[in-house]
Amino acid sequence: MAIQPIGPNQINPAPATGGVEKTDASFEKTLKESIQQVNDAQLQADQAISDLTTGKQQDLHQTMIAIEKASLSFELMMQVRNKILSAYEEISRMQI
């Protein structure tokens, strides 16, 4: 399962009052779900490789597609992580 793109209609703005905790929980939930999707893609790729090597599956193309999906999902996750760390570092350097 690959990470699904988020459209503009799927983004829920935080409420005006008391929204900090809900927004944090929402961000955390979204991040955990995305990591779980990357993990699922990795597991599917591993299963596809196992099925190909044991002869359960004969289609090399499907196996390669599963491997590439897992690879791209992981690369995207790493880029998101890098952007989050970069934003955190920039915020921590700000003077109050």
Protein backbone atom coordinates (compact mmCIF):
# COMPACT_ATOMS: atom_id res chain seq x y z
CA MET A 1 0.00 0.00 0.00
CA ALA A 2 1.57 3.27 -1.09
CA ILE A 3 1.23 6.64 0.56
CA GLN A 4 -1.87 8.32 -0.80
CA PRO A 5 -1.64 11.99 -1.83
CA ILE A 6 -3.67 14.43 0.20
CA GLY A 7 -5.97 16.69 -1.77
CA PRO A 8 -7.01 20.17 -0.68
CA ASN A 9 -10.45 18.89 0.36
CA GLN A 10 -8.93 16.35 2.75
CA ILE A 11 -7.03 18.79 4.92
CA ASN A 12 -8.89 19.60 8.13
CA PRO A 13 -8.05 23.03 9.57
CA ALA A 14 -7.54 23.28 13.31
CA PRO A 15 -10.39 24.81 15.32
CA ALA A 16 -9.90 28.38 16.52
CA THR A 17 -9.98 27.50 20.24
CA GLY A 18 -8.11 24.66 21.87
CA GLY A 19 -6.88 23.36 18.55
CA VAL A 20 -3.24 22.89 19.48
CA GLU A 21 -3.68 19.50 21.12
CA LYS A 22 -6.02 18.24 18.42
CA THR A 23 -3.67 19.42 15.67
CA ASP A 24 -0.70 17.75 17.35
CA ALA A 25 -2.64 14.52 17.70
CA SER A 26 -3.79 14.76 14.10
CA PHE A 27 -0.25 15.35 12.85
CA GLU A 28 1.02 12.48 14.97
CA LYS A 29 -1.75 10.20 13.70
CA THR A 30 -1.04 11.16 10.08
CA LEU A 31 2.68 10.58 10.56
CA LYS A 32 2.12 7.17 12.17
CA GLU A 33 -0.28 6.12 9.41
CA SER A 34 2.21 7.16 6.75
CA ILE A 35 5.01 5.22 8.42
CA GLN A 36 2.71 2.20 8.69
CA GLN A 37 1.94 2.45 4.97
CA VAL A 38 5.66 2.52 4.16
CA ASN A 39 6.19 -0.51 6.39
CA ASP A 40 3.31 -2.32 4.66
CA ALA A 41 4.86 -1.60 1.27
CA GLN A 42 8.19 -3.02 2.51
CA LEU A 43 6.45 -6.15 3.79
CA GLN A 44 4.56 -6.59 0.53
CA ALA A 45 7.81 -6.30 -1.42
CA ASP A 46 9.46 -8.88 0.86
CA GLN A 47 6.49 -11.21 0.37
CA ALA A 48 6.62 -10.72 -3.41
CA ILE A 49 10.32 -11.61 -3.41
CA SER A 50 9.66 -14.71 -1.29
CA ASP A 51 6.80 -15.77 -3.57
CA LEU A 52 8.98 -15.35 -6.64
CA THR A 53 11.90 -17.31 -5.21
CA THR A 54 9.70 -20.16 -3.97
CA GLY A 55 7.77 -20.37 -7.24
CA LYS A 56 4.40 -19.29 -5.85
CA GLN A 57 4.44 -16.37 -8.28
CA GLN A 58 5.88 -16.42 -11.77
CA ASP A 59 5.39 -12.75 -12.64
CA LEU A 60 8.71 -10.94 -12.30
CA HIS A 61 7.11 -7.63 -13.33
CA GLN A 62 4.71 -7.60 -10.36
CA THR A 63 7.58 -8.37 -8.03
CA MET A 64 9.65 -5.53 -9.44
CA ILE A 65 6.70 -3.15 -9.18
CA ALA A 66 6.23 -4.06 -5.50
CA ILE A 67 9.94 -3.52 -4.83
CA GLU A 68 9.93 -0.15 -6.61
CA LYS A 69 6.80 0.98 -4.73
CA ALA A 70 8.47 0.10 -1.45
CA SER A 71 11.64 1.90 -2.47
CA LEU A 72 9.84 5.07 -3.56
CA SER A 73 7.69 5.07 -0.41
CA PHE A 74 10.81 4.83 1.72
CA GLU A 75 12.56 7.60 -0.21
CA LEU A 76 9.52 9.86 0.21
CA MET A 77 9.39 9.12 3.94
CA MET A 78 13.07 10.02 4.28
CA GLN A 79 12.57 13.30 2.43
CA VAL A 80 9.61 14.19 4.66
CA ARG A 81 11.73 13.36 7.71
CA ASN A 82 14.53 15.59 6.42
CA LYS A 83 12.10 18.47 5.88
CA ILE A 84 10.64 18.05 9.38
CA LEU A 85 14.11 18.04 10.94
CA SER A 86 15.11 21.06 8.90
CA ALA A 87 12.01 22.96 10.02
CA TYR A 88 12.65 21.99 13.65
CA GLU A 89 16.26 23.19 13.45
CA GLU A 90 15.17 26.47 11.87
CA ILE A 91 12.54 27.03 14.56
CA SER A 92 15.03 26.23 17.32
CA ARG A 93 17.40 28.89 15.95
CA MET A 94 14.72 31.59 16.02
CA GLN A 95 15.08 34.21 18.70
CA ILE A 96 12.09 35.01 20.80
